[in-house]
Amino acid sequence: MVIETAELLTTELVTNAIVHVGCKSELFIRAAGGVVRVEVTDPDDRLPAMAAPNVDALSGRGLVIVNGLASAWGVDPTDSGKTVWFELSPLSNHGMD
């Protein structure tokens, strides 16, 4: 299930970068010590905010999904923008059985 969860969450982060930033972003994927870490870096310094989506909204659930399924996630400001990342550990449930 880690691979499927990683695919879903990676899609969420990349989609957020495309929709909200609309410019070049970089994707990094690392696997070490049983942990998969995915980072999306973009040049926009606006930090994403997780909010409860409107039930009728067609968007706005990306970070809610990331928060619910990732072992850990966060946003790190960089000199030229930000990096949004998540980690998955095979030992955690990721909200999926």
N, C-alpha and C. Protein backbone atom coordinates (compact mmCIF):
# COMPACT_ATOMS: atom_id res chain seq x y z
N MET A 1 0.81 -1.20 0.00
CA MET A 1 0.00 0.00 0.00
C MET A 1 0.85 1.27 0.00
N VAL A 2 2.11 1.16 0.38
CA VAL A 2 2.96 2.35 0.43
C VAL A 2 3.10 2.97 -0.96
N ILE A 3 3.26 2.13 -1.98
CA ILE A 3 3.44 2.66 -3.33
C ILE A 3 2.20 3.41 -3.79
N GLU A 4 1.03 2.83 -3.58
CA GLU A 4 -0.21 3.48 -4.00
C GLU A 4 -0.43 4.80 -3.24
N THR A 5 -0.14 4.78 -1.96
CA THR A 5 -0.29 6.00 -1.16
C THR A 5 0.71 7.05 -1.60
N ALA A 6 1.94 6.64 -1.88
CA ALA A 6 2.96 7.59 -2.36
C ALA A 6 2.54 8.20 -3.69
N GLU A 7 1.98 7.40 -4.59
CA GLU A 7 1.50 7.92 -5.87
C GLU A 7 0.40 8.96 -5.68
N LEU A 8 -0.56 8.64 -4.84
CA LEU A 8 -1.67 9.56 -4.58
C LEU A 8 -1.17 10.87 -3.99
N LEU A 9 -0.34 10.80 -2.96
CA LEU A 9 0.13 12.01 -2.29
C LEU A 9 1.07 12.83 -3.18
N THR A 10 1.88 12.15 -3.98
CA THR A 10 2.74 12.86 -4.92
C THR A 10 1.89 13.63 -5.93
N THR A 11 0.84 13.00 -6.42
CA THR A 11 -0.08 13.67 -7.34
C THR A 11 -0.70 14.89 -6.69
N GLU A 12 -1.06 14.80 -5.44
CA GLU A 12 -1.65 15.95 -4.73
C GLU A 12 -0.65 17.10 -4.65
N LEU A 13 0.60 16.82 -4.26
CA LEU A 13 1.58 17.90 -4.13
C LEU A 13 1.92 18.53 -5.47
N VAL A 14 2.09 17.71 -6.49
CA VAL A 14 2.42 18.23 -7.82
C VAL A 14 1.25 19.04 -8.37
N THR A 15 0.04 18.55 -8.21
CA THR A 15 -1.15 19.28 -8.66
C THR A 15 -1.25 20.62 -7.95
N ASN A 16 -1.01 20.65 -6.65
CA ASN A 16 -1.04 21.92 -5.91
C ASN A 16 -0.03 22.90 -6.48
N ALA A 17 1.17 22.43 -6.79
CA ALA A 17 2.20 23.31 -7.35
C ALA A 17 1.76 23.86 -8.70
N ILE A 18 1.18 23.02 -9.54
CA ILE A 18 0.74 23.46 -10.87
C ILE A 18 -0.41 24.45 -10.75
N VAL A 19 -1.41 24.12 -9.96
CA VAL A 19 -2.62 24.95 -9.85
C VAL A 19 -2.34 26.27 -9.14
N HIS A 20 -1.60 26.22 -8.03
CA HIS A 20 -1.42 27.42 -7.21
C HIS A 20 -0.20 28.25 -7.56
N VAL A 21 0.80 27.64 -8.19
CA VAL A 21 2.02 28.36 -8.52
C VAL A 21 2.11 28.59 -10.03
N GLY A 22 1.81 27.55 -10.79
CA GLY A 22 1.76 27.67 -12.24
C GLY A 22 3.10 27.86 -12.92
N CYS A 23 4.19 27.48 -12.27
CA CYS A 23 5.49 27.61 -12.91
C CYS A 23 6.32 26.38 -12.59
N LYS A 24 7.55 26.40 -13.02
CA LYS A 24 8.44 25.25 -12.87
C LYS A 24 8.57 24.81 -11.40
N SER A 25 8.42 23.52 -11.19
CA SER A 25 8.61 22.93 -9.87
C SER A 25 9.55 21.75 -10.03
N GLU A 26 10.15 21.33 -8.92
CA GLU A 26 11.04 20.18 -8.93
C GLU A 26 10.51 19.12 -7.99
N LEU A 27 10.61 17.87 -8.41
CA LEU A 27 10.15 16.73 -7.63
C LEU A 27 11.35 15.89 -7.24
N PHE A 28 11.46 15.58 -5.95
CA PHE A 28 12.52 14.71 -5.44
C PHE A 28 11.87 13.57 -4.68
N ILE A 29 12.33 12.36 -4.94
CA ILE A 29 11.83 11.19 -4.23
C ILE A 29 13.03 10.45 -3.66
N ARG A 30 12.97 10.17 -2.36
CA ARG A 30 14.06 9.47 -1.70
C ARG A 30 13.48 8.31 -0.91
N ALA A 31 14.19 7.20 -0.90
CA ALA A 31 13.80 6.07 -0.07
C ALA A 31 15.05 5.61 0.68
N ALA A 32 14.97 5.64 1.99
CA ALA A 32 16.11 5.22 2.81
C ALA A 32 15.60 4.82 4.19
N GLY A 33 16.18 3.78 4.73
CA GLY A 33 15.84 3.37 6.08
C GLY A 33 14.37 3.03 6.26
N GLY A 34 13.73 2.53 5.22
CA GLY A 34 12.32 2.16 5.33
C GLY A 34 11.36 3.33 5.23
N VAL A 35 11.85 4.52 4.89
CA VAL A 35 11.00 5.70 4.78
C VAL A 35 11.09 6.25 3.35
N VAL A 36 9.94 6.55 2.78
CA VAL A 36 9.88 7.21 1.49
C VAL A 36 9.60 8.69 1.76
N ARG A 37 10.42 9.56 1.18
CA ARG A 37 10.21 11.00 1.33
C ARG A 37 10.06 11.61 -0.07
N VAL A 38 9.00 12.38 -0.25
CA VAL A 38 8.73 13.06 -1.51
C VAL A 38 8.71 14.56 -1.24
N GLU A 39 9.43 15.31 -2.07
CA GLU A 39 9.50 16.77 -1.92
C GLU A 39 9.14 17.43 -3.25
N VAL A 40 8.34 18.48 -3.18
CA VAL A 40 8.05 19.31 -4.36
C VAL A 40 8.49 20.72 -4.01
N THR A 41 9.45 21.23 -4.77
CA THR A 41 10.00 22.56 -4.54
C THR A 41 9.54 23.48 -5.66
N ASP A 42 9.09 24.68 -5.28
CA ASP A 42 8.69 25.67 -6.28
C ASP A 42 9.19 27.05 -5.85
N PRO A 43 9.18 28.02 -6.77
CA PRO A 43 9.73 29.34 -6.48
C PRO A 43 8.76 30.31 -5.79
N ASP A 44 7.60 29.85 -5.41
CA ASP A 44 6.61 30.72 -4.77
C ASP A 44 6.81 30.68 -3.26
N ASP A 45 6.93 31.84 -2.61
CA ASP A 45 7.16 31.83 -1.17
C ASP A 45 5.87 31.79 -0.35
N ARG A 46 4.71 31.78 -1.01
CA ARG A 46 3.45 31.65 -0.26
C ARG A 46 3.34 30.22 0.26
N LEU A 47 3.10 30.10 1.57
CA LEU A 47 3.01 28.78 2.19
C LEU A 47 1.58 28.25 2.08
N PRO A 48 1.43 26.96 1.78
CA PRO A 48 0.08 26.40 1.68
C PRO A 48 -0.56 26.31 3.06
N ALA A 49 -1.86 26.42 3.07
CA ALA A 49 -2.60 26.32 4.33
C ALA A 49 -3.68 25.25 4.17
N MET A 50 -3.74 24.38 5.14
CA MET A 50 -4.77 23.35 5.13
C MET A 50 -6.04 23.94 5.72
N ALA A 51 -7.13 23.82 4.98
CA ALA A 51 -8.41 24.32 5.46
C ALA A 51 -9.46 23.26 5.22
N ALA A 52 -10.50 23.30 6.01
CA ALA A 52 -11.61 22.37 5.79
C ALA A 52 -12.31 22.77 4.49
N PRO A 53 -12.39 21.84 3.54
CA PRO A 53 -13.01 22.19 2.25
C PRO A 53 -14.51 22.33 2.36
N ASN A 54 -15.04 23.18 1.52
CA ASN A 54 -16.48 23.30 1.38
C ASN A 54 -16.99 22.00 0.77
N VAL A 55 -18.09 21.48 1.28
CA VAL A 55 -18.61 20.20 0.79
C VAL A 55 -18.92 20.23 -0.71
N ASP A 56 -19.29 21.38 -1.22
CA ASP A 56 -19.63 21.50 -2.63
C ASP A 56 -18.43 21.86 -3.51
N ALA A 57 -17.29 22.13 -2.90
CA ALA A 57 -16.11 22.56 -3.66
C ALA A 57 -15.54 21.39 -4.47
N LEU A 58 -15.01 21.72 -5.63
CA LEU A 58 -14.38 20.72 -6.48
C LEU A 58 -12.90 20.56 -6.16
N SER A 59 -12.36 21.44 -5.33
CA SER A 59 -10.95 21.36 -4.96
C SER A 59 -10.81 21.74 -3.49
N GLY A 60 -9.56 21.74 -3.01
CA GLY A 60 -9.32 22.15 -1.63
C GLY A 60 -9.11 21.01 -0.65
N ARG A 61 -9.00 19.80 -1.17
CA ARG A 61 -8.84 18.65 -0.27
C ARG A 61 -7.44 18.06 -0.27
N GLY A 62 -6.55 18.57 -1.10
CA GLY A 62 -5.22 17.98 -1.26
C GLY A 62 -4.44 17.83 0.02
N LEU A 63 -4.29 18.92 0.77
CA LEU A 63 -3.52 18.84 2.01
C LEU A 63 -4.25 18.06 3.10
N VAL A 64 -5.57 18.03 3.03
CA VAL A 64 -6.33 17.21 3.98
C VAL A 64 -6.01 15.73 3.74
N ILE A 65 -5.92 15.36 2.47
CA ILE A 65 -5.57 13.98 2.12
C ILE A 65 -4.13 13.68 2.55
N VAL A 66 -3.22 14.59 2.26
CA VAL A 66 -1.82 14.41 2.65
C VAL A 66 -1.73 14.25 4.17
N ASN A 67 -2.40 15.11 4.90
CA ASN A 67 -2.38 15.06 6.36
C ASN A 67 -2.93 13.74 6.89
N GLY A 68 -3.95 13.22 6.24
CA GLY A 68 -4.58 11.99 6.70
C GLY A 68 -3.80 10.73 6.39
N LEU A 69 -3.00 10.75 5.32
CA LEU A 69 -2.34 9.52 4.89
C LEU A 69 -0.84 9.48 5.13
N ALA A 70 -0.19 10.62 5.22
CA ALA A 70 1.27 10.64 5.39
C ALA A 70 1.66 10.35 6.83
N SER A 71 2.82 9.74 6.99
CA SER A 71 3.38 9.54 8.33
C SER A 71 3.76 10.89 8.92
N ALA A 72 4.26 11.79 8.06
CA ALA A 72 4.62 13.15 8.44
C ALA A 72 4.60 14.00 7.17
N TRP A 73 4.38 15.30 7.32
CA TRP A 73 4.46 16.20 6.17
C TRP A 73 4.73 17.60 6.70
N GLY A 74 5.14 18.47 5.80
CA GLY A 74 5.41 19.83 6.21
C GLY A 74 5.80 20.71 5.03
N VAL A 75 6.13 21.95 5.37
CA VAL A 75 6.54 22.94 4.39
C VAL A 75 7.80 23.60 4.92
N ASP A 76 8.83 23.66 4.09
CA ASP A 76 10.08 24.31 4.47
C ASP A 76 10.33 25.48 3.53
N PRO A 77 10.35 26.70 4.07
CA PRO A 77 10.72 27.85 3.23
C PRO A 77 12.16 27.68 2.74
N THR A 78 12.43 28.10 1.52
CA THR A 78 13.78 28.06 0.96
C THR A 78 14.17 29.48 0.56
N ASP A 79 15.42 29.65 0.16
CA ASP A 79 15.87 30.97 -0.28
C ASP A 79 15.11 31.46 -1.51
N SER A 80 14.61 30.50 -2.29
CA SER A 80 13.95 30.89 -3.54
C SER A 80 12.52 30.39 -3.63
N GLY A 81 11.86 30.12 -2.51
CA GLY A 81 10.47 29.66 -2.54
C GLY A 81 10.16 28.76 -1.37
N LYS A 82 9.73 27.53 -1.67
CA LYS A 82 9.38 26.59 -0.59
C LYS A 82 9.48 25.16 -1.09
N THR A 83 9.55 24.25 -0.13
CA THR A 83 9.49 22.82 -0.40
C THR A 83 8.37 22.24 0.44
N VAL A 84 7.42 21.60 -0.21
CA VAL A 84 6.35 20.88 0.47
C VAL A 84 6.74 19.40 0.40
N TRP A 85 6.66 18.70 1.51
CA TRP A 85 7.14 17.32 1.55
C TRP A 85 6.21 16.44 2.37
N PHE A 86 6.34 15.14 2.13
CA PHE A 86 5.69 14.16 3.00
C PHE A 86 6.60 12.95 3.12
N GLU A 87 6.36 12.19 4.18
CA GLU A 87 7.08 10.94 4.40
C GLU A 87 6.09 9.83 4.65
N LEU A 88 6.44 8.65 4.17
CA LEU A 88 5.64 7.45 4.41
C LEU A 88 6.55 6.37 4.99
N SER A 89 6.10 5.75 6.01
CA SER A 89 6.83 4.64 6.62
C SER A 89 5.96 3.39 6.47
N PRO A 90 6.54 2.28 6.06
CA PRO A 90 5.73 1.06 5.92
C PRO A 90 5.15 0.57 7.24
N LEU A 91 5.65 1.09 8.35
CA LEU A 91 5.14 0.67 9.65
C LEU A 91 3.85 1.38 10.04
N SER A 92 3.55 2.52 9.37
CA SER A 92 2.31 3.22 9.71
C SER A 92 1.21 2.77 8.77
N ASN A 93 -0.03 3.01 9.15
CA ASN A 93 -1.18 2.51 8.42
C ASN A 93 -1.53 3.33 7.19
N HIS A 94 -1.20 4.60 7.15
CA HIS A 94 -1.51 5.51 6.04
C HIS A 94 -3.01 5.62 5.80
N GLY A 95 -3.81 5.31 6.78
CA GLY A 95 -5.25 5.45 6.63
C GLY A 95 -5.87 4.45 5.67
N MET A 96 -5.12 3.47 5.20
CA MET A 96 -5.64 2.52 4.23
C MET A 96 -5.40 1.10 4.73
N ASP A 97 -6.33 0.26 4.55
CA ASP A 97 -6.17 -1.16 4.89
C ASP A 97 -6.34 -2.01 3.66
